[in-house]
Amino acid sequence: MNALLLWVGQTLASSAIAIIAFIAVRSTGIGERFLNHHLERKIADLKHSHEQKIEALRADLAHVQDRGRRANELEFDAASKLWHAFVDAAHSLFAVQVYVSS
């Protein structure tokens, strides 16, 4: 009878150890999945934040490029008008010199 109780006690103890080990491994898997989900969510949020910042910078860059392009167009138009005015003045001066010399 004593041997039977000892055998039952050892069986229960080894079963308890096996169950505790299974729970520890299983809870680690659950914890690992929870941690992975948490980290993936943080990474996704960070990526979304960076994408928003990149889009804002692209919009600012496009705005600055448009302003620069417009400034260059206005500068070219002003230089063109100035050149045409200079040529008209030169022609007028030449016409006056021809009129005065004749």
PDB file of N, CA and C in Angstrom:
ATOM      1  N   MET A   1       0.808  -1.189   0.000  1.00  0.00           N
ATOM      2  CA  MET A   1       0.000   0.000   0.000  1.00  0.00           C
ATOM      3  C   MET A   1       0.859   1.264   0.000  1.00  0.00           C
ATOM      4  N   ASN A   2       1.917   1.183   0.749  1.00  0.00           N
ATOM      5  CA  ASN A   2       2.835   2.305   0.819  1.00  0.00           C
ATOM      6  C   ASN A   2       3.491   2.561  -0.543  1.00  0.00           C
ATOM      7  N   ALA A   3       3.819   1.504  -1.227  1.00  0.00           N
ATOM      8  CA  ALA A   3       4.434   1.621  -2.546  1.00  0.00           C
ATOM      9  C   ALA A   3       3.448   2.208  -3.553  1.00  0.00           C
ATOM     10  N   LEU A   4       2.176   1.838  -3.403  1.00  0.00           N
ATOM     11  CA  LEU A   4       1.143   2.370  -4.298  1.00  0.00           C
ATOM     12  C   LEU A   4       0.971   3.869  -4.105  1.00  0.00           C
ATOM     13  N   LEU A   5       0.971   4.316  -2.852  1.00  0.00           N
ATOM     14  CA  LEU A   5       0.860   5.753  -2.573  1.00  0.00           C
ATOM     15  C   LEU A   5       2.084   6.503  -3.098  1.00  0.00           C
ATOM     16  N   LEU A   6       3.236   5.900  -2.942  1.00  0.00           N
ATOM     17  CA  LEU A   6       4.456   6.519  -3.453  1.00  0.00           C
ATOM     18  C   LEU A   6       4.396   6.636  -4.980  1.00  0.00           C
ATOM     19  N   TRP A   7       3.932   5.572  -5.637  1.00  0.00           N
ATOM     20  CA  TRP A   7       3.798   5.603  -7.111  1.00  0.00           C
ATOM     21  C   TRP A   7       2.794   6.661  -7.552  1.00  0.00           C
ATOM     22  N   VAL A   8       1.640   6.770  -6.882  1.00  0.00           N
ATOM     23  CA  VAL A   8       0.620   7.762  -7.211  1.00  0.00           C
ATOM     24  C   VAL A   8       1.184   9.171  -6.983  1.00  0.00           C
ATOM     25  N   GLY A   9       1.897   9.369  -5.905  1.00  0.00           N
ATOM     26  CA  GLY A   9       2.504  10.673  -5.607  1.00  0.00           C
ATOM     27  C   GLY A   9       3.510  11.079  -6.670  1.00  0.00           C
ATOM     28  N   GLN A  10       4.371  10.123  -7.083  1.00  0.00           N
ATOM     29  CA  GLN A  10       5.362  10.412  -8.127  1.00  0.00           C
ATOM     30  C   GLN A  10       4.678  10.697  -9.459  1.00  0.00           C
ATOM     31  N   THR A  11       3.612   9.964  -9.766  1.00  0.00           N
ATOM     32  CA  THR A  11       2.876  10.178 -11.014  1.00  0.00           C
ATOM     33  C   THR A  11       2.222  11.550 -11.019  1.00  0.00           C
ATOM     34  N   LEU A  12       1.602  11.919  -9.913  1.00  0.00           N
ATOM     35  CA  LEU A  12       0.978  13.236  -9.818  1.00  0.00           C
ATOM     36  C   LEU A  12       2.018  14.359  -9.898  1.00  0.00           C
ATOM     37  N   ALA A  13       3.148  14.183  -9.243  1.00  0.00           N
ATOM     38  CA  ALA A  13       4.203  15.204  -9.264  1.00  0.00           C
ATOM     39  C   ALA A  13       4.767  15.367 -10.671  1.00  0.00           C
ATOM     40  N   SER A  14       5.052  14.244 -11.341  1.00  0.00           N
ATOM     41  CA  SER A  14       5.595  14.340 -12.704  1.00  0.00           C
ATOM     42  C   SER A  14       4.555  14.917 -13.658  1.00  0.00           C
ATOM     43  N   SER A  15       3.285  14.583 -13.450  1.00  0.00           N
ATOM     44  CA  SER A  15       2.223  15.157 -14.289  1.00  0.00           C
ATOM     45  C   SER A  15       2.107  16.653 -14.049  1.00  0.00           C
ATOM     46  N   ALA A  16       2.197  17.055 -12.787  1.00  0.00           N
ATOM     47  CA  ALA A  16       2.121  18.486 -12.462  1.00  0.00           C
ATOM     48  C   ALA A  16       3.287  19.236 -13.104  1.00  0.00           C
ATOM     49  N   ILE A  17       4.481  18.654 -13.041  1.00  0.00           N
ATOM     50  CA  ILE A  17       5.652  19.298 -13.669  1.00  0.00           C
ATOM     51  C   ILE A  17       5.458  19.405 -15.171  1.00  0.00           C
ATOM     52  N   ALA A  18       4.930  18.360 -15.788  1.00  0.00           N
ATOM     53  CA  ALA A  18       4.680  18.389 -17.237  1.00  0.00           C
ATOM     54  C   ALA A  18       3.635  19.442 -17.583  1.00  0.00           C
ATOM     55  N   ILE A  19       2.590  19.544 -16.779  1.00  0.00           N
ATOM     56  CA  ILE A  19       1.539  20.540 -17.031  1.00  0.00           C
ATOM     57  C   ILE A  19       2.093  21.949 -16.848  1.00  0.00           C
ATOM     58  N   ILE A  20       2.871  22.162 -15.803  1.00  0.00           N
ATOM     59  CA  ILE A  20       3.469  23.485 -15.565  1.00  0.00           C
ATOM     60  C   ILE A  20       4.419  23.850 -16.704  1.00  0.00           C
ATOM     61  N   ALA A  21       5.213  22.888 -17.167  1.00  0.00           N
ATOM     62  CA  ALA A  21       6.123  23.148 -18.284  1.00  0.00           C
ATOM     63  C   ALA A  21       5.340  23.492 -19.551  1.00  0.00           C
ATOM     64  N   PHE A  22       4.257  22.765 -19.794  1.00  0.00           N
ATOM     65  CA  PHE A  22       3.429  23.042 -20.970  1.00  0.00           C
ATOM     66  C   PHE A  22       2.825  24.442 -20.880  1.00  0.00           C
ATOM     67  N   ILE A  23       2.323  24.809 -19.699  1.00  0.00           N
ATOM     68  CA  ILE A  23       1.736  26.133 -19.511  1.00  0.00           C
ATOM     69  C   ILE A  23       2.802  27.215 -19.691  1.00  0.00           C
ATOM     70  N   ALA A  24       3.994  26.984 -19.184  1.00  0.00           N
ATOM     71  CA  ALA A  24       5.075  27.973 -19.325  1.00  0.00           C
ATOM     72  C   ALA A  24       5.442  28.164 -20.791  1.00  0.00           C
ATOM     73  N   VAL A  25       5.558  27.061 -21.525  1.00  0.00           N
ATOM     74  CA  VAL A  25       5.879  27.164 -22.950  1.00  0.00           C
ATOM     75  C   VAL A  25       4.740  27.829 -23.704  1.00  0.00           C
ATOM     76  N   ARG A  26       3.539  27.452 -23.361  1.00  0.00           N
ATOM     77  CA  ARG A  26       2.365  28.003 -24.051  1.00  0.00           C
ATOM     78  C   ARG A  26       2.209  29.495 -23.747  1.00  0.00           C
ATOM     79  N   SER A  27       2.397  29.881 -22.494  1.00  0.00           N
ATOM     80  CA  SER A  27       2.248  31.287 -22.133  1.00  0.00           C
ATOM     81  C   SER A  27       3.369  32.109 -22.755  1.00  0.00           C
ATOM     82  N   THR A  28       4.532  31.529 -22.913  1.00  0.00           N
ATOM     83  CA  THR A  28       5.620  32.235 -23.578  1.00  0.00           C
ATOM     84  C   THR A  28       5.256  32.488 -25.036  1.00  0.00           C
ATOM     85  N   GLY A  29       4.637  31.512 -25.677  1.00  0.00           N
ATOM     86  CA  GLY A  29       4.186  31.695 -27.059  1.00  0.00           C
ATOM     87  C   GLY A  29       3.134  32.777 -27.155  1.00  0.00           C
ATOM     88  N   ILE A  30       2.215  32.780 -26.212  1.00  0.00           N
ATOM     89  CA  ILE A  30       1.181  33.813 -26.199  1.00  0.00           C
ATOM     90  C   ILE A  30       1.816  35.166 -25.927  1.00  0.00           C
ATOM     91  N   GLY A  31       2.734  35.213 -24.967  1.00  0.00           N
ATOM     92  CA  GLY A  31       3.432  36.463 -24.660  1.00  0.00           C
ATOM     93  C   GLY A  31       4.243  36.957 -25.841  1.00  0.00           C
ATOM     94  N   GLU A  32       4.874  36.006 -26.520  1.00  0.00           N
ATOM     95  CA  GLU A  32       5.667  36.386 -27.692  1.00  0.00           C
ATOM     96  C   GLU A  32       4.775  36.930 -28.802  1.00  0.00           C
ATOM     97  N   ARG A  33       3.623  36.299 -29.011  1.00  0.00           N
ATOM     98  CA  ARG A  33       2.691  36.802 -30.027  1.00  0.00           C
ATOM     99  C   ARG A  33       2.159  38.182 -29.643  1.00  0.00           C
ATOM    100  N   PHE A  34       1.849  38.361 -28.362  1.00  0.00           N
ATOM    101  CA  PHE A  34       1.367  39.665 -27.903  1.00  0.00           C
ATOM    102  C   PHE A  34       2.445  40.722 -28.101  1.00  0.00           C
ATOM    103  N   LEU A  35       3.689  40.379 -27.735  1.00  0.00           N
ATOM    104  CA  LEU A  35       4.794  41.326 -27.897  1.00  0.00           C
ATOM    105  C   LEU A  35       5.028  41.630 -29.375  1.00  0.00           C
ATOM    106  N   ASN A  36       4.990  40.615 -30.221  1.00  0.00           N
ATOM    107  CA  ASN A  36       5.156  40.841 -31.659  1.00  0.00           C
ATOM    108  C   ASN A  36       4.048  41.731 -32.207  1.00  0.00           C
ATOM    109  N   HIS A  37       2.819  41.472 -31.778  1.00  0.00           N
ATOM    110  CA  HIS A  37       1.699  42.304 -32.238  1.00  0.00           C
ATOM    111  C   HIS A  37       1.895  43.744 -31.775  1.00  0.00           C
ATOM    112  N   HIS A  38       2.305  43.922 -30.537  1.00  0.00           N
ATOM    113  CA  HIS A  38       2.526  45.261 -29.993  1.00  0.00           C
ATOM    114  C   HIS A  38       3.642  45.975 -30.771  1.00  0.00           C
ATOM    115  N   LEU A  39       4.742  45.280 -31.017  1.00  0.00           N
ATOM    116  CA  LEU A  39       5.857  45.885 -31.749  1.00  0.00           C
ATOM    117  C   LEU A  39       5.490  46.180 -33.199  1.00  0.00           C
ATOM    118  N   GLU A  40       4.767  45.268 -33.829  1.00  0.00           N
ATOM    119  CA  GLU A  40       4.351  45.498 -35.216  1.00  0.00           C
ATOM    120  C   GLU A  40       3.422  46.696 -35.317  1.00  0.00           C
ATOM    121  N   ARG A  41       2.544  46.856 -34.324  1.00  0.00           N
ATOM    122  CA  ARG A  41       1.653  48.006 -34.319  1.00  0.00           C
ATOM    123  C   ARG A  41       2.440  49.304 -34.138  1.00  0.00           C
ATOM    124  N   LYS A  42       3.432  49.279 -33.236  1.00  0.00           N
ATOM    125  CA  LYS A  42       4.267  50.472 -33.047  1.00  0.00           C
ATOM    126  C   LYS A  42       5.054  50.790 -34.319  1.00  0.00           C
ATOM    127  N   ILE A  43       5.579  49.772 -34.966  1.00  0.00           N
ATOM    128  CA  ILE A  43       6.328  49.979 -36.214  1.00  0.00           C
ATOM    129  C   ILE A  43       5.408  50.539 -37.287  1.00  0.00           C
ATOM    130  N   ALA A  44       4.202  50.014 -37.387  1.00  0.00           N
ATOM    131  CA  ALA A  44       3.250  50.508 -38.383  1.00  0.00           C
ATOM    132  C   ALA A  44       2.889  51.967 -38.106  1.00  0.00           C
ATOM    133  N   ASP A  45       2.683  52.306 -36.828  1.00  0.00           N
ATOM    134  CA  ASP A  45       2.376  53.698 -36.477  1.00  0.00           C
ATOM    135  C   ASP A  45       3.545  54.615 -36.811  1.00  0.00           C
ATOM    136  N   LEU A  46       4.758  54.159 -36.508  1.00  0.00           N
ATOM    137  CA  LEU A  46       5.946  54.957 -36.805  1.00  0.00           C
ATOM    138  C   LEU A  46       6.121  55.129 -38.311  1.00  0.00           C
ATOM    139  N   LYS A  47       5.883  54.061 -39.056  1.00  0.00           N
ATOM    140  CA  LYS A  47       5.985  54.125 -40.514  1.00  0.00           C
ATOM    141  C   LYS A  47       4.951  55.092 -41.078  1.00  0.00           C
ATOM    142  N   HIS A  48       3.737  55.039 -40.554  1.00  0.00           N
ATOM    143  CA  HIS A  48       2.684  55.945 -41.008  1.00  0.00           C
ATOM    144  C   HIS A  48       3.060  57.396 -40.696  1.00  0.00           C
ATOM    145  N   SER A  49       3.608  57.615 -39.520  1.00  0.00           N
ATOM    146  CA  SER A  49       4.040  58.962 -39.133  1.00  0.00           C
ATOM    147  C   SER A  49       5.132  59.465 -40.069  1.00  0.00           C
ATOM    148  N   HIS A  50       6.086  58.610 -40.374  1.00  0.00           N
ATOM    149  CA  HIS A  50       7.171  59.006 -41.287  1.00  0.00           C
ATOM    150  C   HIS A  50       6.643  59.274 -42.689  1.00  0.00           C
ATOM    151  N   GLU A  51       5.688  58.461 -43.142  1.00  0.00           N
ATOM    152  CA  GLU A  51       5.113  58.679 -44.467  1.00  0.00           C
ATOM    153  C   GLU A  51       4.377  60.014 -44.534  1.00  0.00           C
ATOM    154  N   GLN A  52       3.693  60.381 -43.451  1.00  0.00           N
ATOM    155  CA  GLN A  52       3.018  61.675 -43.417  1.00  0.00           C
ATOM    156  C   GLN A  52       4.028  62.815 -43.479  1.00  0.00           C
ATOM    157  N   LYS A  53       5.129  62.679 -42.738  1.00  0.00           N
ATOM    158  CA  LYS A  53       6.164  63.716 -42.757  1.00  0.00           C
ATOM    159  C   LYS A  53       6.800  63.820 -44.140  1.00  0.00           C
ATOM    160  N   ILE A  54       7.037  62.685 -44.772  1.00  0.00           N
ATOM    161  CA  ILE A  54       7.626  62.681 -46.115  1.00  0.00           C
ATOM    162  C   ILE A  54       6.690  63.362 -47.097  1.00  0.00           C
ATOM    163  N   GLU A  55       5.405  63.066 -47.011  1.00  0.00           N
ATOM    164  CA  GLU A  55       4.436  63.706 -47.915  1.00  0.00           C
ATOM    165  C   GLU A  55       4.389  65.211 -47.688  1.00  0.00           C
ATOM    166  N   ALA A  56       4.464  65.639 -46.418  1.00  0.00           N
ATOM    167  CA  ALA A  56       4.478  67.077 -46.123  1.00  0.00           C
ATOM    168  C   ALA A  56       5.729  67.728 -46.707  1.00  0.00           C
ATOM    169  N   LEU A  57       6.859  67.058 -46.587  1.00  0.00           N
ATOM    170  CA  LEU A  57       8.105  67.600 -47.148  1.00  0.00           C
ATOM    171  C   LEU A  57       8.042  67.645 -48.680  1.00  0.00           C
ATOM    172  N   ARG A  58       7.453  66.621 -49.275  1.00  0.00           N
ATOM    173  CA  ARG A  58       7.304  66.632 -50.738  1.00  0.00           C
ATOM    174  C   ARG A  58       6.417  67.784 -51.188  1.00  0.00           C
ATOM    175  N   ALA A  59       5.351  68.039 -50.437  1.00  0.00           N
ATOM    176  CA  ALA A  59       4.457  69.151 -50.782  1.00  0.00           C
ATOM    177  C   ALA A  59       5.189  70.482 -50.649  1.00  0.00           C
ATOM    178  N   ASP A  60       5.968  70.631 -49.566  1.00  0.00           N
ATOM    179  CA  ASP A  60       6.749  71.864 -49.392  1.00  0.00           C
ATOM    180  C   ASP A  60       7.768  72.026 -50.514  1.00  0.00           C
ATOM    181  N   LEU A  61       8.424  70.937 -50.882  1.00  0.00           N
ATOM    182  CA  LEU A  61       9.413  70.992 -51.956  1.00  0.00           C
ATOM    183  C   LEU A  61       8.759  71.368 -53.278  1.00  0.00           C
ATOM    184  N   ALA A  62       7.612  70.790 -53.569  1.00  0.00           N
ATOM    185  CA  ALA A  62       6.898  71.125 -54.804  1.00  0.00           C
ATOM    186  C   ALA A  62       6.496  72.594 -54.806  1.00  0.00           C
ATOM    187  N   HIS A  63       6.076  73.105 -53.644  1.00  0.00           N
ATOM    188  CA  HIS A  63       5.688  74.515 -53.545  1.00  0.00           C
ATOM    189  C   HIS A  63       6.897  75.422 -53.809  1.00  0.00           C
ATOM    190  N   VAL A  64       8.026  75.073 -53.214  1.00  0.00           N
ATOM    191  CA  VAL A  64       9.241  75.879 -53.414  1.00  0.00           C
ATOM    192  C   VAL A  64       9.697  75.792 -54.866  1.00  0.00           C
ATOM    193  N   GLN A  65       9.607  74.613 -55.457  1.00  0.00           N
ATOM    194  CA  GLN A  65      10.001  74.475 -56.861  1.00  0.00           C
ATOM    195  C   GLN A  65       9.096  75.305 -57.757  1.00  0.00           C
ATOM    196  N   ASP A  66       7.796  75.303 -57.472  1.00  0.00           N
ATOM    197  CA  ASP A  66       6.870  76.114 -58.260  1.00  0.00           C
ATOM    198  C   ASP A  66       7.193  77.594 -58.124  1.00  0.00           C
ATOM    199  N   ARG A  67       7.492  78.029 -56.902  1.00  0.00           N
ATOM    200  CA  ARG A  67       7.842  79.433 -56.698  1.00  0.00           C
ATOM    201  C   ARG A  67       9.133  79.779 -57.443  1.00  0.00           C
ATOM    202  N   GLY A  68      10.106  78.868 -57.377  1.00  0.00           N
ATOM    203  CA  GLY A  68      11.368  79.108 -58.084  1.00  0.00           C
ATOM    204  C   GLY A  68      11.163  79.156 -59.587  1.00  0.00           C
ATOM    205  N   ARG A  69      10.355  78.239 -60.092  1.00  0.00           N
ATOM    206  CA  ARG A  69      10.073  78.208 -61.525  1.00  0.00           C
ATOM    207  C   ARG A  69       9.359  79.497 -61.949  1.00  0.00           C
ATOM    208  N   ARG A  70       8.408  79.911 -61.146  1.00  0.00           N
ATOM    209  CA  ARG A  70       7.663  81.146 -61.454  1.00  0.00           C
ATOM    210  C   ARG A  70       8.590  82.358 -61.397  1.00  0.00           C
ATOM    211  N   ALA A  71       9.470  82.396 -60.419  1.00  0.00           N
ATOM    212  CA  ALA A  71      10.428  83.505 -60.319  1.00  0.00           C
ATOM    213  C   ALA A  71      11.338  83.529 -61.542  1.00  0.00           C
ATOM    214  N   ASN A  72      11.788  82.368 -61.994  1.00  0.00           N
ATOM    215  CA  ASN A  72      12.637  82.315 -63.190  1.00  0.00           C
ATOM    216  C   ASN A  72      11.881  82.784 -64.421  1.00  0.00           C
ATOM    217  N   GLU A  73      10.618  82.388 -64.535  1.00  0.00           N
ATOM    218  CA  GLU A  73       9.813  82.832 -65.685  1.00  0.00           C
ATOM    219  C   GLU A  73       9.634  84.347 -65.665  1.00  0.00           C
ATOM    220  N   LEU A  74       9.342  84.909 -64.493  1.00  0.00           N
ATOM    221  CA  LEU A  74       9.183  86.356 -64.385  1.00  0.00           C
ATOM    222  C   LEU A  74      10.488  87.078 -64.690  1.00  0.00           C
ATOM    223  N   GLU A  75      11.599  86.524 -64.209  1.00  0.00           N
ATOM    224  CA  GLU A  75      12.906  87.129 -64.483  1.00  0.00           C
ATOM    225  C   GLU A  75      13.206  87.088 -65.979  1.00  0.00           C
ATOM    226  N   PHE A  76      12.917  85.974 -66.622  1.00  0.00           N
ATOM    227  CA  PHE A  76      13.145  85.876 -68.064  1.00  0.00           C
ATOM    228  C   PHE A  76      12.265  86.867 -68.820  1.00  0.00           C
ATOM    229  N   ASP A  77      10.996  86.970 -68.423  1.00  0.00           N
ATOM    230  CA  ASP A  77      10.099  87.932 -69.077  1.00  0.00           C
ATOM    231  C   ASP A  77      10.602  89.354 -68.898  1.00  0.00           C
ATOM    232  N   ALA A  78      11.070  89.690 -67.707  1.00  0.00           N
ATOM    233  CA  ALA A  78      11.578  91.046 -67.455  1.00  0.00           C
ATOM    234  C   ALA A  78      12.830  91.301 -68.286  1.00  0.00           C
ATOM    235  N   ALA A  79      13.728  90.324 -68.351  1.00  0.00           N
ATOM    236  CA  ALA A  79      14.946  90.494 -69.145  1.00  0.00           C
ATOM    237  C   ALA A  79      14.602  90.619 -70.626  1.00  0.00           C
ATOM    238  N   SER A  80      13.626  89.843 -71.081  1.00  0.00           N
ATOM    239  CA  SER A  80      13.208  89.917 -72.479  1.00  0.00           C
ATOM    240  C   SER A  80      12.624  91.297 -72.795  1.00  0.00           C
ATOM    241  N   LYS A  81      11.760  91.803 -71.916  1.00  0.00           N
ATOM    242  CA  LYS A  81      11.175  93.132 -72.122  1.00  0.00           C
ATOM    243  C   LYS A  81      12.255  94.209 -72.098  1.00  0.00           C
ATOM    244  N   LEU A  82      13.206  94.054 -71.179  1.00  0.00           N
ATOM    245  CA  LEU A  82      14.302  95.022 -71.104  1.00  0.00           C
ATOM    246  C   LEU A  82      15.128  94.990 -72.377  1.00  0.00           C
ATOM    247  N   TRP A  83      15.411  93.821 -72.896  1.00  0.00           N
ATOM    248  CA  TRP A  83      16.187  93.711 -74.133  1.00  0.00           C
ATOM    249  C   TRP A  83      15.435  94.348 -75.299  1.00  0.00           C
ATOM    250  N   HIS A  84      14.131  94.058 -75.394  1.00  0.00           N
ATOM    251  CA  HIS A  84      13.341  94.659 -76.479  1.00  0.00           C
ATOM    252  C   HIS A  84      13.303  96.180 -76.349  1.00  0.00           C
ATOM    253  N   ALA A  85      13.195  96.692 -75.126  1.00  0.00           N
ATOM    254  CA  ALA A  85      13.211  98.144 -74.918  1.00  0.00           C
ATOM    255  C   ALA A  85      14.564  98.717 -75.314  1.00  0.00           C
ATOM    256  N   PHE A  86      15.647  98.024 -74.985  1.00  0.00           N
ATOM    257  CA  PHE A  86      16.989  98.477 -75.353  1.00  0.00           C
ATOM    258  C   PHE A  86      17.157  98.503 -76.870  1.00  0.00           C
ATOM    259  N   VAL A  87      16.667  97.448 -77.542  1.00  0.00           N
ATOM    260  CA  VAL A  87      16.774  97.392 -79.011  1.00  0.00           C
ATOM    261  C   VAL A  87      15.935  98.512 -79.636  1.00  0.00           C
ATOM    262  N   ASP A  88      14.725  98.738 -79.112  1.00  0.00           N
ATOM    263  CA  ASP A  88      13.886  99.834 -79.626  1.00  0.00           C
ATOM    264  C   ASP A  88      14.570 101.177 -79.420  1.00  0.00           C
ATOM    265  N   ALA A  89      15.211 101.366 -78.253  1.00  0.00           N
ATOM    266  CA  ALA A  89      15.921 102.623 -77.985  1.00  0.00           C
ATOM    267  C   ALA A  89      17.105 102.775 -78.929  1.00  0.00           C
ATOM    268  N   ALA A  90      17.813 101.685 -79.190  1.00  0.00           N
ATOM    269  CA  ALA A  90      18.960 101.745 -80.108  1.00  0.00           C
ATOM    270  C   ALA A  90      18.494 102.089 -81.512  1.00  0.00           C
ATOM    271  N   HIS A  91      17.369 101.481 -81.946  1.00  0.00           N
ATOM    272  CA  HIS A  91      16.837 101.800 -83.278  1.00  0.00           C
ATOM    273  C   HIS A  91      16.399 103.260 -83.352  1.00  0.00           C
ATOM    274  N   SER A  92      15.753 103.724 -82.278  1.00  0.00           N
ATOM    275  CA  SER A  92      15.322 105.125 -82.261  1.00  0.00           C
ATOM    276  C   SER A  92      16.522 106.056 -82.297  1.00  0.00           C
ATOM    277  N   LEU A  93      17.554 105.720 -81.522  1.00  0.00           N
ATOM    278  CA  LEU A  93      18.758 106.544 -81.527  1.00  0.00           C
ATOM    279  C   LEU A  93      19.417 106.537 -82.903  1.00  0.00           C
ATOM    280  N   PHE A  94      19.454 105.378 -83.536  1.00  0.00           N
ATOM    281  CA  PHE A  94      20.023 105.286 -84.876  1.00  0.00           C
ATOM    282  C   PHE A  94      19.213 106.111 -85.865  1.00  0.00           C
ATOM    283  N   ALA A  95      17.870 106.053 -85.711  1.00  0.00           N
ATOM    284  CA  ALA A  95      17.009 106.838 -86.597  1.00  0.00           C
ATOM    285  C   ALA A  95      17.237 108.333 -86.373  1.00  0.00           C
ATOM    286  N   VAL A  96      17.405 108.737 -85.126  1.00  0.00           N
ATOM    287  CA  VAL A  96      17.667 110.147 -84.841  1.00  0.00           C
ATOM    288  C   VAL A  96      19.016 110.562 -85.429  1.00  0.00           C
ATOM    289  N   GLN A  97      20.023 109.717 -85.313  1.00  0.00           N
ATOM    290  CA  GLN A  97      21.344 110.053 -85.870  1.00  0.00           C
ATOM    291  C   GLN A  97      21.264 110.169 -87.386  1.00  0.00           C
ATOM    292  N   VAL A  98      20.501 109.294 -88.018  1.00  0.00           N
ATOM    293  CA  VAL A  98      20.363 109.359 -89.473  1.00  0.00           C
ATOM    294  C   VAL A  98      19.605 110.641 -89.833  1.00  0.00           C
ATOM    295  N   TYR A  99      18.589 110.997 -89.068  1.00  0.00           N
ATOM    296  CA  TYR A  99      17.803 112.200 -89.352  1.00  0.00           C
ATOM    297  C   TYR A  99      18.655 113.452 -89.129  1.00  0.00           C
ATOM    298  N   VAL A 100      19.445 113.469 -88.059  1.00  0.00           N
ATOM    299  CA  VAL A 100      20.261 114.640 -87.757  1.00  0.00           C
ATOM    300  C   VAL A 100      21.387 114.778 -88.770  1.00  0.00           C
ATOM    301  N   SER A 101      21.980 113.692 -89.188  1.00  0.00           N
ATOM    302  CA  SER A 101      23.101 113.761 -90.099  1.00  0.00           C
ATOM    303  C   SER A 101      22.661 114.054 -91.547  1.00  0.00           C
ATOM    304  N   SER A 102      21.383 113.902 -91.828  1.00  0.00           N
ATOM    305  CA  SER A 102      20.974 114.169 -93.193  1.00  0.00           C
ATOM    306  C   SER A 102      20.486 115.558 -93.408  1.00  0.00           C
TER     307      SER A 102
END
